[in-house]
PDB file of N, CA and C in Angstrom:
ATOM      1  N   MET A   1     -13.861  70.657 -76.475  1.00  0.00           N
ATOM      2  CA  MET A   1     -13.381  71.652 -75.984  1.00  0.00           C
ATOM      3  C   MET A   1     -12.140  71.433 -74.975  1.00  0.00           C
ATOM      4  N   LEU A   2     -11.011  72.159 -74.962  1.00  0.00           N
ATOM      5  CA  LEU A   2     -10.284  71.782 -74.177  1.00  0.00           C
ATOM      6  C   LEU A   2     -10.207  72.880 -72.985  1.00  0.00           C
ATOM      7  N   VAL A   3     -10.028  72.026 -71.754  1.00  0.00           N
ATOM      8  CA  VAL A   3      -9.916  73.001 -70.441  1.00  0.00           C
ATOM      9  C   VAL A   3      -8.981  72.779 -69.735  1.00  0.00           C
ATOM     10  N   HIS A   4      -8.205  74.164 -69.212  1.00  0.00           N
ATOM     11  CA  HIS A   4      -6.969  73.790 -68.525  1.00  0.00           C
ATOM     12  C   HIS A   4      -7.496  74.130 -66.904  1.00  0.00           C
ATOM     13  N   VAL A   5      -7.528  72.861 -66.160  1.00  0.00           N
ATOM     14  CA  VAL A   5      -7.544  72.937 -64.748  1.00  0.00           C
ATOM     15  C   VAL A   5      -6.598  72.701 -63.672  1.00  0.00           C
ATOM     16  N   GLY A   6      -7.269  73.267 -62.749  1.00  0.00           N
ATOM     17  CA  GLY A   6      -6.374  73.130 -61.392  1.00  0.00           C
ATOM     18  C   GLY A   6      -6.260  72.958 -60.542  1.00  0.00           C
ATOM     19  N   ASP A   7      -6.270  73.077 -59.140  1.00  0.00           N
ATOM     20  CA  ASP A   7      -6.744  72.607 -57.563  1.00  0.00           C
ATOM     21  C   ASP A   7      -7.692  73.527 -57.483  1.00  0.00           C
ATOM     22  N   ASN A   8      -7.824  74.413 -57.759  1.00  0.00           N
ATOM     23  CA  ASN A   8      -9.019  75.450 -57.245  1.00  0.00           C
ATOM     24  C   ASN A   8     -10.143  75.233 -58.315  1.00  0.00           C
ATOM     25  N   ASN A   9      -9.917  74.382 -59.444  1.00  0.00           N
ATOM     26  CA  ASN A   9     -11.069  74.505 -60.145  1.00  0.00           C
ATOM     27  C   ASN A   9     -11.423  72.551 -60.954  1.00  0.00           C
ATOM     28  N   PHE A  10     -10.767  72.379 -60.227  1.00  0.00           N
ATOM     29  CA  PHE A  10     -11.122  70.704 -60.265  1.00  0.00           C
ATOM     30  C   PHE A  10     -12.188  69.923 -60.288  1.00  0.00           C
ATOM     31  N   GLU A  11     -12.632  70.393 -58.884  1.00  0.00           N
ATOM     32  CA  GLU A  11     -13.943  70.055 -58.586  1.00  0.00           C
ATOM     33  C   GLU A  11     -14.754  69.957 -59.428  1.00  0.00           C
ATOM     34  N   SER A  12     -15.016  71.438 -59.704  1.00  0.00           N
ATOM     35  CA  SER A  12     -16.217  72.070 -60.898  1.00  0.00           C
ATOM     36  C   SER A  12     -16.125  71.675 -62.036  1.00  0.00           C
ATOM     37  N   GLU A  13     -15.071  71.896 -62.573  1.00  0.00           N
ATOM     38  CA  GLU A  13     -14.957  71.168 -64.130  1.00  0.00           C
ATOM     39  C   GLU A  13     -14.500  69.962 -64.472  1.00  0.00           C
ATOM     40  N   VAL A  14     -13.964  68.929 -63.336  1.00  0.00           N
ATOM     41  CA  VAL A  14     -14.454  67.500 -63.652  1.00  0.00           C
ATOM     42  C   VAL A  14     -15.041  66.661 -62.819  1.00  0.00           C
ATOM     43  N   LEU A  15     -15.126  67.001 -61.556  1.00  0.00           N
ATOM     44  CA  LEU A  15     -16.114  66.247 -60.876  1.00  0.00           C
ATOM     45  C   LEU A  15     -17.580  65.957 -60.941  1.00  0.00           C
ATOM     46  N   ASN A  16     -17.667  67.522 -61.316  1.00  0.00           N
ATOM     47  CA  ASN A  16     -19.259  67.900 -61.208  1.00  0.00           C
ATOM     48  C   ASN A  16     -19.756  68.031 -62.824  1.00  0.00           C
ATOM     49  N   SER A  17     -18.897  67.667 -63.394  1.00  0.00           N
ATOM     50  CA  SER A  17     -19.149  67.713 -64.864  1.00  0.00           C
ATOM     51  C   SER A  17     -20.231  66.688 -65.471  1.00  0.00           C
ATOM     52  N   ASP A  18     -21.322  67.127 -66.397  1.00  0.00           N
ATOM     53  CA  ASP A  18     -22.297  66.588 -67.073  1.00  0.00           C
ATOM     54  C   ASP A  18     -21.763  65.237 -67.811  1.00  0.00           C
ATOM     55  N   LEU A  19     -20.959  65.646 -68.366  1.00  0.00           N
ATOM     56  CA  LEU A  19     -19.994  64.990 -69.076  1.00  0.00           C
ATOM     57  C   LEU A  19     -18.832  64.271 -68.921  1.00  0.00           C
ATOM     58  N   PRO A  20     -18.564  63.133 -69.275  1.00  0.00           N
ATOM     59  CA  PRO A  20     -17.374  62.293 -68.861  1.00  0.00           C
ATOM     60  C   PRO A  20     -15.945  63.294 -69.325  1.00  0.00           C
ATOM     61  N   CYS A  21     -14.870  63.013 -68.354  1.00  0.00           N
ATOM     62  CA  CYS A  21     -14.196  64.256 -68.595  1.00  0.00           C
ATOM     63  C   CYS A  21     -12.655  63.193 -68.850  1.00  0.00           C
ATOM     64  N   LEU A  22     -11.986  63.520 -69.877  1.00  0.00           N
ATOM     65  CA  LEU A  22     -10.671  62.949 -70.442  1.00  0.00           C
ATOM     66  C   LEU A  22      -9.669  63.845 -69.363  1.00  0.00           C
ATOM     67  N   VAL A  23      -9.044  63.295 -68.500  1.00  0.00           N
ATOM     68  CA  VAL A  23      -8.080  64.583 -67.709  1.00  0.00           C
ATOM     69  C   VAL A  23      -6.762  63.965 -68.126  1.00  0.00           C
ATOM     70  N   ASP A  24      -5.985  65.006 -68.612  1.00  0.00           N
ATOM     71  CA  ASP A  24      -4.557  64.807 -69.070  1.00  0.00           C
ATOM     72  C   ASP A  24      -3.292  65.307 -67.589  1.00  0.00           C
ATOM     73  N   PHE A  25      -3.294  64.537 -66.851  1.00  0.00           N
ATOM     74  CA  PHE A  25      -1.877  64.944 -66.238  1.00  0.00           C
ATOM     75  C   PHE A  25      -0.446  65.116 -66.675  1.00  0.00           C
ATOM     76  N   TRP A  26       0.066  66.111 -67.082  1.00  0.00           N
ATOM     77  CA  TRP A  26       1.209  66.591 -67.457  1.00  0.00           C
ATOM     78  C   TRP A  26       2.121  67.530 -67.096  1.00  0.00           C
ATOM     79  N   ALA A  27       3.376  68.065 -67.822  1.00  0.00           N
ATOM     80  CA  ALA A  27       4.120  69.137 -67.369  1.00  0.00           C
ATOM     81  C   ALA A  27       4.360  69.550 -68.864  1.00  0.00           C
ATOM     82  N   PRO A  28       5.216  70.804 -68.813  1.00  0.00           N
ATOM     83  CA  PRO A  28       5.770  71.573 -69.884  1.00  0.00           C
ATOM     84  C   PRO A  28       7.085  70.801 -70.340  1.00  0.00           C
ATOM     85  N   TRP A  29       7.586  70.308 -69.389  1.00  0.00           N
ATOM     86  CA  TRP A  29       8.633  69.452 -69.641  1.00  0.00           C
ATOM     87  C   TRP A  29       9.104  68.156 -69.839  1.00  0.00           C
ATOM     88  N   CYS A  30       7.486  67.855 -69.884  1.00  0.00           N
ATOM     89  CA  CYS A  30       7.450  66.406 -70.468  1.00  0.00           C
ATOM     90  C   CYS A  30       7.450  66.328 -71.584  1.00  0.00           C
ATOM     91  N   GLY A  31       8.498  65.234 -72.605  1.00  0.00           N
ATOM     92  CA  GLY A  31       8.638  65.061 -73.749  1.00  0.00           C
ATOM     93  C   GLY A  31       7.463  64.394 -74.361  1.00  0.00           C
ATOM     94  N   PRO A  32       7.166  63.545 -73.803  1.00  0.00           N
ATOM     95  CA  PRO A  32       5.608  62.569 -74.012  1.00  0.00           C
ATOM     96  C   PRO A  32       4.588  63.014 -74.031  1.00  0.00           C
ATOM     97  N   CYS A  33       4.901  64.351 -72.866  1.00  0.00           N
ATOM     98  CA  CYS A  33       3.359  65.027 -72.722  1.00  0.00           C
ATOM     99  C   CYS A  33       2.705  65.658 -73.927  1.00  0.00           C
ATOM    100  N   LEU A  34       4.254  66.228 -74.312  1.00  0.00           N
ATOM    101  CA  LEU A  34       4.086  67.044 -75.589  1.00  0.00           C
ATOM    102  C   LEU A  34       3.761  66.113 -77.000  1.00  0.00           C
ATOM    103  N   MET A  35       3.725  65.281 -76.925  1.00  0.00           N
ATOM    104  CA  MET A  35       3.842  64.597 -78.323  1.00  0.00           C
ATOM    105  C   MET A  35       2.354  64.031 -78.488  1.00  0.00           C
ATOM    106  N   VAL A  36       1.910  64.032 -77.441  1.00  0.00           N
ATOM    107  CA  VAL A  36       0.286  63.541 -77.039  1.00  0.00           C
ATOM    108  C   VAL A  36      -0.688  64.481 -77.250  1.00  0.00           C
ATOM    109  N   ALA A  37      -0.146  65.945 -76.995  1.00  0.00           N
ATOM    110  CA  ALA A  37      -1.003  66.884 -77.313  1.00  0.00           C
ATOM    111  C   ALA A  37      -1.545  67.431 -78.322  1.00  0.00           C
ATOM    112  N   PRO A  38      -1.216  67.189 -79.228  1.00  0.00           N
ATOM    113  CA  PRO A  38      -2.074  67.668 -80.443  1.00  0.00           C
ATOM    114  C   PRO A  38      -3.366  66.799 -80.528  1.00  0.00           C
ATOM    115  N   ALA A  39      -2.748  65.350 -80.311  1.00  0.00           N
ATOM    116  CA  ALA A  39      -3.966  64.421 -80.256  1.00  0.00           C
ATOM    117  C   ALA A  39      -4.779  64.839 -79.425  1.00  0.00           C
ATOM    118  N   LEU A  40      -4.742  65.291 -78.446  1.00  0.00           N
ATOM    119  CA  LEU A  40      -5.804  65.621 -76.994  1.00  0.00           C
ATOM    120  C   LEU A  40      -6.582  66.817 -77.888  1.00  0.00           C
ATOM    121  N   GLU A  41      -5.736  67.960 -78.470  1.00  0.00           N
ATOM    122  CA  GLU A  41      -6.407  68.868 -79.015  1.00  0.00           C
ATOM    123  C   GLU A  41      -7.839  68.456 -80.026  1.00  0.00           C
ATOM    124  N   GLU A  42      -7.417  67.383 -80.926  1.00  0.00           N
ATOM    125  CA  GLU A  42      -8.219  66.933 -82.049  1.00  0.00           C
ATOM    126  C   GLU A  42      -9.270  66.328 -81.362  1.00  0.00           C
ATOM    127  N   ILE A  43      -9.138  65.254 -80.392  1.00  0.00           N
ATOM    128  CA  ILE A  43     -10.435  65.077 -79.691  1.00  0.00           C
ATOM    129  C   ILE A  43     -10.661  65.814 -79.043  1.00  0.00           C
ATOM    130  N   ALA A  44     -10.593  66.697 -78.220  1.00  0.00           N
ATOM    131  CA  ALA A  44     -11.495  68.023 -77.807  1.00  0.00           C
ATOM    132  C   ALA A  44     -12.566  68.284 -79.024  1.00  0.00           C
ATOM    133  N   ASP A  45     -11.753  68.731 -80.062  1.00  0.00           N
ATOM    134  CA  ASP A  45     -12.487  69.480 -81.191  1.00  0.00           C
ATOM    135  C   ASP A  45     -13.589  68.300 -81.508  1.00  0.00           C
ATOM    136  N   GLU A  46     -13.170  67.436 -81.848  1.00  0.00           N
ATOM    137  CA  GLU A  46     -14.243  66.398 -82.369  1.00  0.00           C
ATOM    138  C   GLU A  46     -14.962  65.656 -81.709  1.00  0.00           C
ATOM    139  N   TYR A  47     -15.053  65.499 -80.497  1.00  0.00           N
ATOM    140  CA  TYR A  47     -15.619  64.977 -79.656  1.00  0.00           C
ATOM    141  C   TYR A  47     -16.623  66.105 -78.760  1.00  0.00           C
ATOM    142  N   ASP A  48     -16.487  67.525 -79.190  1.00  0.00           N
ATOM    143  CA  ASP A  48     -17.187  68.685 -78.120  1.00  0.00           C
ATOM    144  C   ASP A  48     -18.946  68.159 -78.079  1.00  0.00           C
ATOM    145  N   GLY A  49     -19.023  68.224 -76.861  1.00  0.00           N
ATOM    146  CA  GLY A  49     -20.537  67.812 -76.289  1.00  0.00           C
ATOM    147  C   GLY A  49     -20.465  66.821 -75.856  1.00  0.00           C
ATOM    148  N   LYS A  50     -19.380  65.603 -76.068  1.00  0.00           N
ATOM    149  CA  LYS A  50     -19.448  64.215 -76.175  1.00  0.00           C
ATOM    150  C   LYS A  50     -18.754  63.393 -74.521  1.00  0.00           C
ATOM    151  N   ILE A  51     -17.703  64.359 -74.601  1.00  0.00           N
ATOM    152  CA  ILE A  51     -16.732  64.164 -73.653  1.00  0.00           C
ATOM    153  C   ILE A  51     -15.767  65.473 -73.467  1.00  0.00           C
ATOM    154  N   LYS A  52     -15.358  65.666 -72.348  1.00  0.00           N
ATOM    155  CA  LYS A  52     -14.550  67.189 -72.093  1.00  0.00           C
ATOM    156  C   LYS A  52     -13.167  66.544 -71.741  1.00  0.00           C
ATOM    157  N   VAL A  53     -12.335  67.487 -72.093  1.00  0.00           N
ATOM    158  CA  VAL A  53     -10.818  67.188 -72.435  1.00  0.00           C
ATOM    159  C   VAL A  53     -10.349  68.069 -71.317  1.00  0.00           C
ATOM    160  N   CYS A  54     -10.078  67.674 -70.672  1.00  0.00           N
ATOM    161  CA  CYS A  54      -9.088  68.550 -69.133  1.00  0.00           C
ATOM    162  C   CYS A  54      -7.552  68.181 -69.182  1.00  0.00           C
ATOM    163  N   LYS A  55      -6.773  69.297 -69.056  1.00  0.00           N
ATOM    164  CA  LYS A  55      -5.426  69.578 -68.628  1.00  0.00           C
ATOM    165  C   LYS A  55      -4.738  69.769 -67.442  1.00  0.00           C
ATOM    166  N   VAL A  56      -4.214  69.639 -66.728  1.00  0.00           N
ATOM    167  CA  VAL A  56      -3.689  69.395 -65.403  1.00  0.00           C
ATOM    168  C   VAL A  56      -2.317  69.631 -65.416  1.00  0.00           C
ATOM    169  N   ASN A  57      -1.623  70.599 -65.204  1.00  0.00           N
ATOM    170  CA  ASN A  57      -0.195  71.026 -64.918  1.00  0.00           C
ATOM    171  C   ASN A  57      -0.155  70.172 -63.853  1.00  0.00           C
ATOM    172  N   VAL A  58       0.674  69.193 -63.589  1.00  0.00           N
ATOM    173  CA  VAL A  58       1.163  68.618 -62.144  1.00  0.00           C
ATOM    174  C   VAL A  58       1.861  69.241 -61.673  1.00  0.00           C
ATOM    175  N   ASP A  59       2.987  70.641 -62.109  1.00  0.00           N
ATOM    176  CA  ASP A  59       3.575  71.252 -61.250  1.00  0.00           C
ATOM    177  C   ASP A  59       3.016  72.469 -60.506  1.00  0.00           C
ATOM    178  N   ASP A  60       1.905  72.956 -61.312  1.00  0.00           N
ATOM    179  CA  ASP A  60       0.941  74.109 -60.673  1.00  0.00           C
ATOM    180  C   ASP A  60      -0.126  73.424 -59.945  1.00  0.00           C
ATOM    181  N   ALA A  61      -0.757  71.773 -60.205  1.00  0.00           N
ATOM    182  CA  ALA A  61      -1.713  71.770 -59.587  1.00  0.00           C
ATOM    183  C   ALA A  61      -1.381  70.400 -58.647  1.00  0.00           C
ATOM    184  N   GLY A  62      -0.461  70.342 -57.807  1.00  0.00           N
ATOM    185  CA  GLY A  62       0.229  69.323 -56.850  1.00  0.00           C
ATOM    186  C   GLY A  62      -1.458  68.884 -55.997  1.00  0.00           C
ATOM    187  N   GLY A  63      -1.745  69.483 -55.484  1.00  0.00           N
ATOM    188  CA  GLY A  63      -2.877  68.894 -54.545  1.00  0.00           C
ATOM    189  C   GLY A  63      -3.917  67.623 -55.613  1.00  0.00           C
ATOM    190  N   VAL A  64      -4.209  68.184 -56.739  1.00  0.00           N
ATOM    191  CA  VAL A  64      -4.649  66.997 -57.645  1.00  0.00           C
ATOM    192  C   VAL A  64      -4.124  65.749 -57.887  1.00  0.00           C
ATOM    193  N   ALA A  65      -2.713  66.118 -58.108  1.00  0.00           N
ATOM    194  CA  ALA A  65      -1.579  65.059 -58.817  1.00  0.00           C
ATOM    195  C   ALA A  65      -1.403  64.276 -57.567  1.00  0.00           C
ATOM    196  N   THR A  66      -1.012  64.968 -56.370  1.00  0.00           N
ATOM    197  CA  THR A  66      -1.200  63.817 -55.162  1.00  0.00           C
ATOM    198  C   THR A  66      -2.442  62.810 -54.543  1.00  0.00           C
ATOM    199  N   ARG A  67      -3.834  63.637 -55.018  1.00  0.00           N
ATOM    200  CA  ARG A  67      -4.890  63.408 -54.624  1.00  0.00           C
ATOM    201  C   ARG A  67      -5.196  61.847 -55.366  1.00  0.00           C
ATOM    202  N   TYR A  68      -4.887  62.118 -56.578  1.00  0.00           N
ATOM    203  CA  TYR A  68      -5.223  60.579 -57.704  1.00  0.00           C
ATOM    204  C   TYR A  68      -3.831  59.786 -57.977  1.00  0.00           C
ATOM    205  N   GLY A  69      -2.722  60.313 -56.654  1.00  0.00           N
ATOM    206  CA  GLY A  69      -1.493  59.315 -56.794  1.00  0.00           C
ATOM    207  C   GLY A  69      -0.664  59.246 -58.187  1.00  0.00           C
ATOM    208  N   ILE A  70      -0.737  60.309 -59.043  1.00  0.00           N
ATOM    209  CA  ILE A  70       0.144  60.432 -60.015  1.00  0.00           C
ATOM    210  C   ILE A  70       1.723  60.443 -59.875  1.00  0.00           C
ATOM    211  N   MET A  71       2.161  59.466 -60.247  1.00  0.00           N
ATOM    212  CA  MET A  71       3.482  59.381 -60.412  1.00  0.00           C
ATOM    213  C   MET A  71       4.401  59.298 -61.485  1.00  0.00           C
ATOM    214  N   SER A  72       3.793  59.203 -62.291  1.00  0.00           N
ATOM    215  CA  SER A  72       3.999  59.165 -63.785  1.00  0.00           C
ATOM    216  C   SER A  72       3.519  60.222 -64.654  1.00  0.00           C
ATOM    217  N   ILE A  73       4.222  61.076 -65.790  1.00  0.00           N
ATOM    218  CA  ILE A  73       3.108  61.266 -66.673  1.00  0.00           C
ATOM    219  C   ILE A  73       3.711  61.530 -68.134  1.00  0.00           C
ATOM    220  N   PRO A  74       2.861  61.278 -69.395  1.00  0.00           N
ATOM    221  CA  PRO A  74       1.306  61.718 -68.837  1.00  0.00           C
ATOM    222  C   PRO A  74       0.844  60.531 -68.567  1.00  0.00           C
ATOM    223  N   THR A  75      -0.428  60.546 -67.862  1.00  0.00           N
ATOM    224  CA  THR A  75      -0.917  59.661 -66.724  1.00  0.00           C
ATOM    225  C   THR A  75      -2.659  60.296 -67.145  1.00  0.00           C
ATOM    226  N   LEU A  76      -3.323  60.117 -68.385  1.00  0.00           N
ATOM    227  CA  LEU A  76      -4.852  60.148 -68.732  1.00  0.00           C
ATOM    228  C   LEU A  76      -5.468  59.499 -67.841  1.00  0.00           C
ATOM    229  N   MET A  77      -6.427  59.707 -67.160  1.00  0.00           N
ATOM    230  CA  MET A  77      -7.669  59.577 -66.404  1.00  0.00           C
ATOM    231  C   MET A  77      -9.411  59.779 -67.199  1.00  0.00           C
ATOM    232  N   VAL A  78     -10.453  58.701 -67.125  1.00  0.00           N
ATOM    233  CA  VAL A  78     -11.460  58.803 -67.604  1.00  0.00           C
ATOM    234  C   VAL A  78     -12.363  59.203 -66.553  1.00  0.00           C
ATOM    235  N   PHE A  79     -12.862  60.032 -66.215  1.00  0.00           N
ATOM    236  CA  PHE A  79     -14.059  60.888 -64.813  1.00  0.00           C
ATOM    237  C   PHE A  79     -15.163  60.577 -65.220  1.00  0.00           C
ATOM    238  N   LYS A  80     -15.873  59.710 -64.664  1.00  0.00           N
ATOM    239  CA  LYS A  80     -17.565  59.674 -65.186  1.00  0.00           C
ATOM    240  C   LYS A  80     -18.236  59.772 -63.718  1.00  0.00           C
ATOM    241  N   ASN A  81     -19.183  60.795 -63.666  1.00  0.00           N
ATOM    242  CA  ASN A  81     -19.743  61.116 -62.447  1.00  0.00           C
ATOM    243  C   ASN A  81     -19.309  61.157 -61.029  1.00  0.00           C
ATOM    244  N   GLY A  82     -17.916  61.842 -61.474  1.00  0.00           N
ATOM    245  CA  GLY A  82     -16.859  62.400 -60.485  1.00  0.00           C
ATOM    246  C   GLY A  82     -16.149  61.156 -60.151  1.00  0.00           C
ATOM    247  N   GLU A  83     -16.159  60.209 -60.480  1.00  0.00           N
ATOM    248  CA  GLU A  83     -15.558  59.168 -60.323  1.00  0.00           C
ATOM    249  C   GLU A  83     -14.178  58.746 -61.108  1.00  0.00           C
ATOM    250  N   PRO A  84     -12.868  58.458 -61.042  1.00  0.00           N
ATOM    251  CA  PRO A  84     -11.761  57.886 -62.021  1.00  0.00           C
ATOM    252  C   PRO A  84     -12.586  56.112 -62.311  1.00  0.00           C
ATOM    253  N   VAL A  85     -12.894  56.743 -63.967  1.00  0.00           N
ATOM    254  CA  VAL A  85     -13.065  54.887 -64.366  1.00  0.00           C
ATOM    255  C   VAL A  85     -12.008  54.151 -65.057  1.00  0.00           C
ATOM    256  N   GLN A  86     -11.262  55.125 -65.574  1.00  0.00           N
ATOM    257  CA  GLN A  86      -9.979  54.329 -66.236  1.00  0.00           C
ATOM    258  C   GLN A  86      -8.988  55.245 -66.379  1.00  0.00           C
ATOM    259  N   THR A  87      -7.843  54.169 -66.409  1.00  0.00           N
ATOM    260  CA  THR A  87      -6.245  55.396 -66.446  1.00  0.00           C
ATOM    261  C   THR A  87      -5.894  54.512 -67.285  1.00  0.00           C
ATOM    262  N   THR A  88      -4.532  54.853 -67.881  1.00  0.00           N
ATOM    263  CA  THR A  88      -3.564  54.548 -68.456  1.00  0.00           C
ATOM    264  C   THR A  88      -2.438  55.726 -68.686  1.00  0.00           C
ATOM    265  N   ILE A  89      -0.945  55.136 -68.479  1.00  0.00           N
ATOM    266  CA  ILE A  89       0.132  56.145 -68.055  1.00  0.00           C
ATOM    267  C   ILE A  89       1.055  55.999 -69.772  1.00  0.00           C
ATOM    268  N   GLY A  90       1.553  56.735 -70.585  1.00  0.00           N
ATOM    269  CA  GLY A  90       2.252  57.196 -71.528  1.00  0.00           C
ATOM    270  C   GLY A  90       1.433  57.607 -72.712  1.00  0.00           C
ATOM    271  N   ALA A  91       2.210  58.147 -73.730  1.00  0.00           N
ATOM    272  CA  ALA A  91       1.862  58.895 -74.626  1.00  0.00           C
ATOM    273  C   ALA A  91       1.139  57.677 -75.418  1.00  0.00           C
ATOM    274  N   LEU A  92       0.207  57.714 -76.196  1.00  0.00           N
ATOM    275  CA  LEU A  92      -1.070  57.077 -77.194  1.00  0.00           C
ATOM    276  C   LEU A  92      -1.163  57.899 -78.249  1.00  0.00           C
ATOM    277  N   PRO A  93      -1.044  57.207 -79.403  1.00  0.00           N
ATOM    278  CA  PRO A  93      -1.483  57.728 -80.466  1.00  0.00           C
ATOM    279  C   PRO A  93      -2.769  58.023 -80.353  1.00  0.00           C
ATOM    280  N   LYS A  94      -3.825  58.879 -81.579  1.00  0.00           N
ATOM    281  CA  LYS A  94      -5.198  59.374 -81.324  1.00  0.00           C
ATOM    282  C   LYS A  94      -5.713  58.234 -81.242  1.00  0.00           C
ATOM    283  N   ARG A  95      -5.983  57.084 -82.478  1.00  0.00           N
ATOM    284  CA  ARG A  95      -6.560  56.145 -82.629  1.00  0.00           C
ATOM    285  C   ARG A  95      -6.721  55.162 -80.997  1.00  0.00           C
ATOM    286  N   SER A  96      -5.599  55.073 -80.476  1.00  0.00           N
ATOM    287  CA  SER A  96      -5.968  54.730 -79.240  1.00  0.00           C
ATOM    288  C   SER A  96      -6.211  55.285 -77.965  1.00  0.00           C
ATOM    289  N   LEU A  97      -6.563  56.374 -78.332  1.00  0.00           N
ATOM    290  CA  LEU A  97      -6.856  57.511 -77.567  1.00  0.00           C
ATOM    291  C   LEU A  97      -8.446  57.513 -77.331  1.00  0.00           C
ATOM    292  N   GLU A  98      -8.738  57.409 -78.933  1.00  0.00           N
ATOM    293  CA  GLU A  98     -10.065  57.321 -79.356  1.00  0.00           C
ATOM    294  C   GLU A  98     -10.586  55.995 -78.353  1.00  0.00           C
ATOM    295  N   ALA A  99     -10.180  54.778 -78.764  1.00  0.00           N
ATOM    296  CA  ALA A  99     -10.251  52.961 -77.744  1.00  0.00           C
ATOM    297  C   ALA A  99     -10.697  53.322 -76.321  1.00  0.00           C
ATOM    298  N   PHE A 100      -9.427  54.122 -75.972  1.00  0.00           N
ATOM    299  CA  PHE A 100      -9.736  54.398 -74.058  1.00  0.00           C
ATOM    300  C   PHE A 100     -10.934  55.124 -74.003  1.00  0.00           C
ATOM    301  N   ILE A 101     -11.192  56.259 -74.517  1.00  0.00           N
ATOM    302  CA  ILE A 101     -12.483  57.164 -74.395  1.00  0.00           C
ATOM    303  C   ILE A 101     -13.884  56.279 -74.619  1.00  0.00           C
ATOM    304  N   LYS A 102     -13.842  56.007 -75.499  1.00  0.00           N
ATOM    305  CA  LYS A 102     -15.262  55.539 -76.462  1.00  0.00           C
ATOM    306  C   LYS A 102     -16.316  54.907 -75.715  1.00  0.00           C
ATOM    307  N   PRO A 103     -15.794  53.983 -74.622  1.00  0.00           N
ATOM    308  CA  PRO A 103     -16.852  53.061 -73.674  1.00  0.00           C
ATOM    309  C   PRO A 103     -17.383  53.692 -72.910  1.00  0.00           C
ATOM    310  N   HIS A 104     -16.631  54.999 -72.298  1.00  0.00           N
ATOM    311  CA  HIS A 104     -17.744  55.974 -71.804  1.00  0.00           C
ATOM    312  C   HIS A 104     -18.126  56.683 -72.010  1.00  0.00           C
ATOM    313  N   MET A 105     -18.384  57.177 -73.313  1.00  0.00           N
ATOM    314  CA  MET A 105     -19.092  58.296 -73.781  1.00  0.00           C
ATOM    315  C   MET A 105     -20.852  57.521 -74.254  1.00  0.00           C
TER     316      MET A 105
END
């Protein structure tokens, strides 16, 4: 499941999630962000029920982006039990994304 998250629902969707969350901090004008989007959609479908994939548009959710110190996009963070546990910056191929999330599922 792919969930679009902003300042108003970040806490309920990510921090209070029963599942680990892969959060993609992105923007529509960011080329690398658009490159990684199809892989994230596939992961959201294939790992449904094991991890929640959330997208945060940094232009619309400046509060969340500032809170987590997002300086470059795409930034991908895994949240588990309401805490960020792993971060990577830049577009990754699907295989690398899977390796990034599997230890947290």
